[in-house]
Amino acid sequence: ERQTFYLPHTLNLDAPISSFQRWRFLRTRARNLLMRYRTVSLSKTYAFISEWAADGDLLSGGHIDFRSVRENLGRKVKMITIFREPAERVRSEYYYSRQGYLQHGPLRRFDSGARHKAAGKYDFDGFLDFLLDNRHLYGDIAARYIGWDGQETLDGFFARNVFHSGVLERADLFEKQLSEKMGVPLFFPHENGTKTRSKAQVTAAQRGKIEQIYARDCDLYEWQRASI
């Protein structure tokens, strides 16, 4: 019986790639904000939520980074989040992005994000090379979304900022424990998936690249897995 307030994606990861990529992000964000709040201003959206949200209400919608919310909302906030093993996560991103890119016509492909274009152009090794070359943009994505810079201990960071967390590989436990905390039955609405999946294992060379791209994410995942 809580209100849920929408927020769009808050990190424009592709923006430094090109002016076109920056414009794509702002266009989509403006369209979503206008539809829900009758404004294209993210700052006005934060002000609206800060005024009307009650304690215990929820923020949901896009891929929201915790630091932006904490700095702009002006309210005490905690996150509910779930992590995935970084190698499986980036493989899933590759196949999802590639499938989405290749099934569209020329105009939709032109209007795609930079990672979708890279996934459509390269094999998995090439996609990892693209991410590695641009790891200042795409690296440590989970750590960036939750706002962990690697300096504070994870015990302290989670105690201050996290209401509930878990790993996707134990989604059943995440669901059960969150239901117990909330006092109501909760269920995942869907599972991510693609029509075609590769059965190939991540090679040692690929894992080496992944660990370079997502060094903090690997630490974060292993800490969370051990804390279950």
C-alpha atoms as a PDB file:
ATOM      1  CA  GLU A   1       0.000   0.000   0.000  1.00  0.00           C
ATOM      2  CA  ARG A   2       2.837   2.360  -0.923  1.00  0.00           C
ATOM      3  CA  GLN A   3       3.229   4.830  -3.732  1.00  0.00           C
ATOM      4  CA  THR A   4       5.782   4.059  -6.437  1.00  0.00           C
ATOM      5  CA  PHE A   5       7.464   7.010  -8.138  1.00  0.00           C
ATOM      6  CA  TYR A   6       9.047   6.587 -11.546  1.00  0.00           C
ATOM      7  CA  LEU A   7      12.603   7.665 -12.319  1.00  0.00           C
ATOM      8  CA  PRO A   8      14.241   7.178 -15.738  1.00  0.00           C
ATOM      9  CA  HIS A   9      17.797   6.021 -16.401  1.00  0.00           C
ATOM     10  CA  THR A  10      20.075   8.366 -14.483  1.00  0.00           C
ATOM     11  CA  LEU A  11      23.492   7.511 -15.989  1.00  0.00           C
ATOM     12  CA  ASN A  12      24.132   8.451 -19.609  1.00  0.00           C
ATOM     13  CA  LEU A  13      26.893   5.914 -20.192  1.00  0.00           C
ATOM     14  CA  ASP A  14      27.075   6.399 -23.967  1.00  0.00           C
ATOM     15  CA  ALA A  15      27.221  10.211 -23.910  1.00  0.00           C
ATOM     16  CA  PRO A  16      31.015  10.593 -24.333  1.00  0.00           C
ATOM     17  CA  ILE A  17      30.937   8.321 -27.413  1.00  0.00           C
ATOM     18  CA  SER A  18      29.237  10.995 -29.528  1.00  0.00           C
ATOM     19  CA  SER A  19      26.863  13.961 -29.474  1.00  0.00           C
ATOM     20  CA  PHE A  20      24.283  11.736 -31.129  1.00  0.00           C
ATOM     21  CA  GLN A  21      24.419   9.234 -28.271  1.00  0.00           C
ATOM     22  CA  ARG A  22      24.039  12.030 -25.742  1.00  0.00           C
ATOM     23  CA  TRP A  23      21.017  13.362 -27.627  1.00  0.00           C
ATOM     24  CA  ARG A  24      19.403   9.886 -27.776  1.00  0.00           C
ATOM     25  CA  PHE A  25      19.561   9.558 -24.007  1.00  0.00           C
ATOM     26  CA  LEU A  26      18.155  13.032 -23.350  1.00  0.00           C
ATOM     27  CA  ARG A  27      15.370  12.514 -25.900  1.00  0.00           C
ATOM     28  CA  THR A  28      14.231   9.272 -24.275  1.00  0.00           C
ATOM     29  CA  ARG A  29      14.450  10.701 -20.768  1.00  0.00           C
ATOM     30  CA  ALA A  30      12.468  13.804 -21.748  1.00  0.00           C
ATOM     31  CA  ARG A  31       9.757  11.703 -23.381  1.00  0.00           C
ATOM     32  CA  ASN A  32       9.364   9.491 -20.295  1.00  0.00           C
ATOM     33  CA  LEU A  33       9.353  12.395 -17.844  1.00  0.00           C
ATOM     34  CA  LEU A  34       6.846  14.354 -19.922  1.00  0.00           C
ATOM     35  CA  MET A  35       4.488  11.384 -20.052  1.00  0.00           C
ATOM     36  CA  ARG A  36       4.578  10.888 -16.254  1.00  0.00           C
ATOM     37  CA  TYR A  37       5.229  14.332 -14.751  1.00  0.00           C
ATOM     38  CA  ARG A  38       4.418  16.816 -17.538  1.00  0.00           C
ATOM     39  CA  THR A  39       7.944  18.164 -17.401  1.00  0.00           C
ATOM     40  CA  VAL A  40      11.218  17.303 -19.102  1.00  0.00           C
ATOM     41  CA  SER A  41      13.235  18.517 -16.124  1.00  0.00           C
ATOM     42  CA  LEU A  42      14.812  15.852 -13.936  1.00  0.00           C
ATOM     43  CA  SER A  43      15.418  18.401 -11.167  1.00  0.00           C
ATOM     44  CA  LYS A  44      11.683  19.264 -11.111  1.00  0.00           C
ATOM     45  CA  THR A  45      10.918  15.556 -10.977  1.00  0.00           C
ATOM     46  CA  TYR A  46      13.163  15.124  -7.946  1.00  0.00           C
ATOM     47  CA  ALA A  47      11.485  18.140  -6.305  1.00  0.00           C
ATOM     48  CA  PHE A  48       8.038  16.661  -6.966  1.00  0.00           C
ATOM     49  CA  ILE A  49       9.002  13.290  -5.475  1.00  0.00           C
ATOM     50  CA  SER A  50      10.654  14.924  -2.471  1.00  0.00           C
ATOM     51  CA  GLU A  51       7.462  16.882  -1.772  1.00  0.00           C
ATOM     52  CA  TRP A  52       4.923  14.113  -2.272  1.00  0.00           C
ATOM     53  CA  ALA A  53       6.670  10.881  -1.258  1.00  0.00           C
ATOM     54  CA  ALA A  54       6.008   9.477   2.186  1.00  0.00           C
ATOM     55  CA  ASP A  55       8.488   7.467   4.203  1.00  0.00           C
ATOM     56  CA  GLY A  56       8.542   3.917   2.839  1.00  0.00           C
ATOM     57  CA  ASP A  57       7.437   4.830  -0.692  1.00  0.00           C
ATOM     58  CA  LEU A  58       9.361   3.368  -3.595  1.00  0.00           C
ATOM     59  CA  LEU A  59      11.408   4.657  -6.514  1.00  0.00           C
ATOM     60  CA  SER A  60      11.444   2.453  -9.588  1.00  0.00           C
ATOM     61  CA  GLY A  61      11.571   2.561 -13.373  1.00  0.00           C
ATOM     62  CA  GLY A  62      14.849   2.870 -15.219  1.00  0.00           C
ATOM     63  CA  HIS A  63      18.384   1.907 -14.262  1.00  0.00           C
ATOM     64  CA  ILE A  64      18.758   4.301 -11.347  1.00  0.00           C
ATOM     65  CA  ASP A  65      22.101   5.059  -9.742  1.00  0.00           C
ATOM     66  CA  PHE A  66      21.905   5.482  -5.997  1.00  0.00           C
ATOM     67  CA  ARG A  67      24.315   8.410  -5.776  1.00  0.00           C
ATOM     68  CA  SER A  68      22.183  10.586  -8.062  1.00  0.00           C
ATOM     69  CA  VAL A  69      19.084   9.844  -6.018  1.00  0.00           C
ATOM     70  CA  ARG A  70      20.815  10.470  -2.702  1.00  0.00           C
ATOM     71  CA  GLU A  71      22.328  13.767  -3.874  1.00  0.00           C
ATOM     72  CA  ASN A  72      19.241  15.148  -5.635  1.00  0.00           C
ATOM     73  CA  LEU A  73      16.240  13.901  -3.699  1.00  0.00           C
ATOM     74  CA  GLY A  74      16.977  15.554  -0.376  1.00  0.00           C
ATOM     75  CA  ARG A  75      15.484  12.600   1.507  1.00  0.00           C
ATOM     76  CA  LYS A  76      16.999   9.642   3.313  1.00  0.00           C
ATOM     77  CA  VAL A  77      16.954   6.679   0.937  1.00  0.00           C
ATOM     78  CA  LYS A  78      18.006   3.047   0.940  1.00  0.00           C
ATOM     79  CA  MET A  79      18.182   0.639  -1.970  1.00  0.00           C
ATOM     80  CA  ILE A  80      16.877  -2.799  -2.799  1.00  0.00           C
ATOM     81  CA  THR A  81      19.208  -4.397  -5.330  1.00  0.00           C
ATOM     82  CA  ILE A  82      20.244  -7.712  -6.794  1.00  0.00           C
ATOM     83  CA  PHE A  83      23.591  -8.599  -8.364  1.00  0.00           C
ATOM     84  CA  ARG A  84      24.606 -11.052 -11.067  1.00  0.00           C
ATOM     85  CA  GLU A  85      27.934 -12.793 -11.589  1.00  0.00           C
ATOM     86  CA  PRO A  86      29.842 -10.336 -13.844  1.00  0.00           C
ATOM     87  CA  ALA A  87      30.854 -12.818 -16.561  1.00  0.00           C
ATOM     88  CA  GLU A  88      27.313 -14.134 -16.948  1.00  0.00           C
ATOM     89  CA  ARG A  89      25.962 -10.603 -16.788  1.00  0.00           C
ATOM     90  CA  VAL A  90      28.124  -9.323 -19.643  1.00  0.00           C
ATOM     91  CA  ARG A  91      27.393 -12.412 -21.743  1.00  0.00           C
ATOM     92  CA  SER A  92      23.696 -11.812 -21.220  1.00  0.00           C
ATOM     93  CA  GLU A  93      24.108  -8.136 -22.140  1.00  0.00           C
ATOM     94  CA  TYR A  94      25.948  -9.106 -25.319  1.00  0.00           C
ATOM     95  CA  TYR A  95      23.330 -11.564 -26.577  1.00  0.00           C
ATOM     96  CA  TYR A  96      20.433  -9.328 -25.559  1.00  0.00           C
ATOM     97  CA  SER A  97      21.988  -6.296 -27.278  1.00  0.00           C
ATOM     98  CA  ARG A  98      22.995  -8.242 -30.370  1.00  0.00           C
ATOM     99  CA  GLN A  99      19.574  -9.827 -30.767  1.00  0.00           C
ATOM    100  CA  GLY A 100      17.845  -6.469 -30.368  1.00  0.00           C
ATOM    101  CA  TYR A 101      20.151  -4.785 -32.863  1.00  0.00           C
ATOM    102  CA  LEU A 102      20.028  -7.424 -35.593  1.00  0.00           C
ATOM    103  CA  GLN A 103      16.259  -7.813 -35.597  1.00  0.00           C
ATOM    104  CA  HIS A 104      15.722  -4.153 -36.490  1.00  0.00           C
ATOM    105  CA  GLY A 105      15.890  -2.395 -39.849  1.00  0.00           C
ATOM    106  CA  PRO A 106      18.489   0.205 -40.909  1.00  0.00           C
ATOM    107  CA  LEU A 107      16.786   3.207 -39.291  1.00  0.00           C
ATOM    108  CA  ARG A 108      16.365   1.534 -35.911  1.00  0.00           C
ATOM    109  CA  ARG A 109      19.943   0.272 -36.068  1.00  0.00           C
ATOM    110  CA  PHE A 110      21.172   3.788 -36.750  1.00  0.00           C
ATOM    111  CA  ASP A 111      19.191   4.973 -33.715  1.00  0.00           C
ATOM    112  CA  SER A 112      20.676   2.325 -31.404  1.00  0.00           C
ATOM    113  CA  GLY A 113      22.903   2.770 -28.378  1.00  0.00           C
ATOM    114  CA  ALA A 114      26.654   2.383 -28.682  1.00  0.00           C
ATOM    115  CA  ARG A 115      26.767  -0.982 -26.912  1.00  0.00           C
ATOM    116  CA  HIS A 116      23.964  -2.381 -29.053  1.00  0.00           C
ATOM    117  CA  LYS A 117      25.878  -1.334 -32.159  1.00  0.00           C
ATOM    118  CA  ALA A 118      29.071  -2.917 -30.868  1.00  0.00           C
ATOM    119  CA  ALA A 119      27.242  -6.153 -30.045  1.00  0.00           C
ATOM    120  CA  GLY A 120      25.725  -6.224 -33.518  1.00  0.00           C
ATOM    121  CA  LYS A 121      29.068  -5.619 -35.176  1.00  0.00           C
ATOM    122  CA  TYR A 122      31.425  -7.864 -33.182  1.00  0.00           C
ATOM    123  CA  ASP A 123      31.589 -11.369 -31.794  1.00  0.00           C
ATOM    124  CA  PHE A 124      31.753 -11.725 -27.997  1.00  0.00           C
ATOM    125  CA  ASP A 125      35.536 -11.228 -27.912  1.00  0.00           C
ATOM    126  CA  GLY A 126      35.209  -8.083 -29.982  1.00  0.00           C
ATOM    127  CA  PHE A 127      32.449  -6.813 -27.697  1.00  0.00           C
ATOM    128  CA  LEU A 128      34.698  -7.339 -24.665  1.00  0.00           C
ATOM    129  CA  ASP A 129      37.493  -5.466 -26.445  1.00  0.00           C
ATOM    130  CA  PHE A 130      35.079  -2.578 -27.067  1.00  0.00           C
ATOM    131  CA  LEU A 131      34.155  -2.485 -23.377  1.00  0.00           C
ATOM    132  CA  LEU A 132      37.795  -2.773 -22.329  1.00  0.00           C
ATOM    133  CA  ASP A 133      38.786   0.121 -24.600  1.00  0.00           C
ATOM    134  CA  ASN A 134      35.957   2.156 -23.034  1.00  0.00           C
ATOM    135  CA  ARG A 135      36.088   0.850 -19.483  1.00  0.00           C
ATOM    136  CA  HIS A 136      36.158   4.430 -18.172  1.00  0.00           C
ATOM    137  CA  LEU A 137      32.554   4.564 -19.478  1.00  0.00           C
ATOM    138  CA  TYR A 138      31.270   1.036 -18.968  1.00  0.00           C
ATOM    139  CA  GLY A 139      33.515  -0.506 -16.323  1.00  0.00           C
ATOM    140  CA  ASP A 140      32.403  -1.475 -12.805  1.00  0.00           C
ATOM    141  CA  ILE A 141      28.812  -0.786 -13.743  1.00  0.00           C
ATOM    142  CA  ALA A 142      27.223  -2.471 -10.709  1.00  0.00           C
ATOM    143  CA  ALA A 143      29.507  -0.598  -8.305  1.00  0.00           C
ATOM    144  CA  ARG A 144      28.707   2.676 -10.069  1.00  0.00           C
ATOM    145  CA  TYR A 145      24.965   2.124  -9.877  1.00  0.00           C
ATOM    146  CA  ILE A 146      25.022   1.467  -6.148  1.00  0.00           C
ATOM    147  CA  GLY A 147      27.579   4.254  -5.569  1.00  0.00           C
ATOM    148  CA  TRP A 148      30.428   2.194  -4.115  1.00  0.00           C
ATOM    149  CA  ASP A 149      33.827   3.661  -4.995  1.00  0.00           C
ATOM    150  CA  GLY A 150      35.866   0.851  -3.460  1.00  0.00           C
ATOM    151  CA  GLN A 151      37.175   2.971  -0.590  1.00  0.00           C
ATOM    152  CA  GLU A 152      34.635   2.254   2.127  1.00  0.00           C
ATOM    153  CA  THR A 153      34.299  -1.289   3.438  1.00  0.00           C
ATOM    154  CA  LEU A 154      31.320  -3.098   1.982  1.00  0.00           C
ATOM    155  CA  ASP A 155      30.086  -3.938   5.479  1.00  0.00           C
ATOM    156  CA  GLY A 156      29.866  -0.249   6.308  1.00  0.00           C
ATOM    157  CA  PHE A 157      28.497   0.798   2.915  1.00  0.00           C
ATOM    158  CA  PHE A 158      25.699  -1.767   2.951  1.00  0.00           C
ATOM    159  CA  ALA A 159      24.773  -0.995   6.558  1.00  0.00           C
ATOM    160  CA  ARG A 160      24.246   2.670   5.669  1.00  0.00           C
ATOM    161  CA  ASN A 161      22.692   2.402   2.228  1.00  0.00           C
ATOM    162  CA  VAL A 162      21.067  -0.972   1.558  1.00  0.00           C
ATOM    163  CA  PHE A 163      17.682  -2.199   2.752  1.00  0.00           C
ATOM    164  CA  HIS A 164      17.950  -5.580   1.046  1.00  0.00           C
ATOM    165  CA  SER A 165      20.237  -7.227  -1.501  1.00  0.00           C
ATOM    166  CA  GLY A 166      21.113 -10.597  -2.965  1.00  0.00           C
ATOM    167  CA  VAL A 167      22.357 -12.372  -6.073  1.00  0.00           C
ATOM    168  CA  LEU A 168      20.386 -13.389  -9.135  1.00  0.00           C
ATOM    169  CA  GLU A 169      21.688 -16.939  -8.917  1.00  0.00           C
ATOM    170  CA  ARG A 170      19.807 -17.224  -5.595  1.00  0.00           C
ATOM    171  CA  ALA A 171      16.770 -15.217  -6.598  1.00  0.00           C
ATOM    172  CA  ASP A 172      14.580 -17.591  -4.589  1.00  0.00           C
ATOM    173  CA  LEU A 173      16.404 -16.658  -1.382  1.00  0.00           C
ATOM    174  CA  PHE A 174      16.373 -12.946  -2.249  1.00  0.00           C
ATOM    175  CA  GLU A 175      12.609 -13.149  -2.781  1.00  0.00           C
ATOM    176  CA  LYS A 176      11.978 -15.115   0.414  1.00  0.00           C
ATOM    177  CA  GLN A 177      14.066 -12.851   2.657  1.00  0.00           C
ATOM    178  CA  LEU A 178      12.599  -9.655   1.192  1.00  0.00           C
ATOM    179  CA  SER A 179       9.081 -11.043   1.658  1.00  0.00           C
ATOM    180  CA  GLU A 180       9.884 -11.725   5.308  1.00  0.00           C
ATOM    181  CA  LYS A 181      11.215  -8.194   5.829  1.00  0.00           C
ATOM    182  CA  MET A 182       8.161  -6.617   4.198  1.00  0.00           C
ATOM    183  CA  GLY A 183       5.644  -8.957   5.764  1.00  0.00           C
ATOM    184  CA  VAL A 184       3.924  -9.630   2.435  1.00  0.00           C
ATOM    185  CA  PRO A 185       4.487 -12.209  -0.332  1.00  0.00           C
ATOM    186  CA  LEU A 186       6.642 -10.804  -3.138  1.00  0.00           C
ATOM    187  CA  PHE A 187       7.428 -12.311  -6.524  1.00  0.00           C
ATOM    188  CA  PHE A 188       9.672 -11.443  -9.434  1.00  0.00           C
ATOM    189  CA  PRO A 189       7.489 -10.139 -12.272  1.00  0.00           C
ATOM    190  CA  HIS A 190       9.680 -11.615 -15.018  1.00  0.00           C
ATOM    191  CA  GLU A 191      13.040 -13.062 -15.888  1.00  0.00           C
ATOM    192  CA  ASN A 192      15.366 -11.586 -18.494  1.00  0.00           C
ATOM    193  CA  GLY A 193      16.118 -13.820 -21.456  1.00  0.00           C
ATOM    194  CA  THR A 194      16.958 -13.954 -25.131  1.00  0.00           C
ATOM    195  CA  LYS A 195      15.623 -16.223 -27.828  1.00  0.00           C
ATOM    196  CA  THR A 196      19.077 -17.579 -28.626  1.00  0.00           C
ATOM    197  CA  ARG A 197      21.802 -18.283 -26.105  1.00  0.00           C
ATOM    198  CA  SER A 198      25.356 -19.456 -26.563  1.00  0.00           C
ATOM    199  CA  LYS A 199      26.294 -22.620 -24.696  1.00  0.00           C
ATOM    200  CA  ALA A 200      29.994 -21.798 -24.987  1.00  0.00           C
ATOM    201  CA  GLN A 201      31.828 -21.355 -21.727  1.00  0.00           C
ATOM    202  CA  VAL A 202      33.667 -18.147 -20.890  1.00  0.00           C
ATOM    203  CA  THR A 203      37.309 -18.782 -21.755  1.00  0.00           C
ATOM    204  CA  ALA A 204      40.230 -17.905 -19.499  1.00  0.00           C
ATOM    205  CA  ALA A 205      41.216 -15.070 -21.842  1.00  0.00           C
ATOM    206  CA  GLN A 206      37.679 -13.685 -21.836  1.00  0.00           C
ATOM    207  CA  ARG A 207      37.471 -13.919 -18.071  1.00  0.00           C
ATOM    208  CA  GLY A 208      40.726 -12.004 -17.813  1.00  0.00           C
ATOM    209  CA  LYS A 209      39.207  -9.150 -19.828  1.00  0.00           C
ATOM    210  CA  ILE A 210      36.023  -9.257 -17.772  1.00  0.00           C
ATOM    211  CA  GLU A 211      37.993  -9.005 -14.544  1.00  0.00           C
ATOM    212  CA  GLN A 212      39.764  -5.929 -15.909  1.00  0.00           C
ATOM    213  CA  ILE A 213      36.518  -4.266 -16.995  1.00  0.00           C
ATOM    214  CA  TYR A 214      34.650  -5.127 -13.802  1.00  0.00           C
ATOM    215  CA  ALA A 215      37.271  -5.428 -11.058  1.00  0.00           C
ATOM    216  CA  ARG A 216      35.145  -3.742  -8.378  1.00  0.00           C
ATOM    217  CA  ASP A 217      32.031  -5.554  -9.565  1.00  0.00           C
ATOM    218  CA  CYS A 218      33.788  -8.870  -9.047  1.00  0.00           C
ATOM    219  CA  ASP A 219      34.706  -7.877  -5.486  1.00  0.00           C
ATOM    220  CA  LEU A 220      31.154  -6.687  -4.901  1.00  0.00           C
ATOM    221  CA  TYR A 221      29.600  -9.881  -6.218  1.00  0.00           C
ATOM    222  CA  GLU A 222      31.885 -12.175  -4.235  1.00  0.00           C
ATOM    223  CA  TRP A 223      31.198 -10.196  -1.042  1.00  0.00           C
ATOM    224  CA  GLN A 224      27.457 -10.369  -1.594  1.00  0.00           C
ATOM    225  CA  ARG A 225      27.566 -14.077  -2.416  1.00  0.00           C
ATOM    226  CA  ALA A 226      29.505 -14.783   0.773  1.00  0.00           C
ATOM    227  CA  SER A 227      27.050 -12.687   2.822  1.00  0.00           C
ATOM    228  CA  ILE A 228      23.955 -14.693   1.903  1.00  0.00           C
END
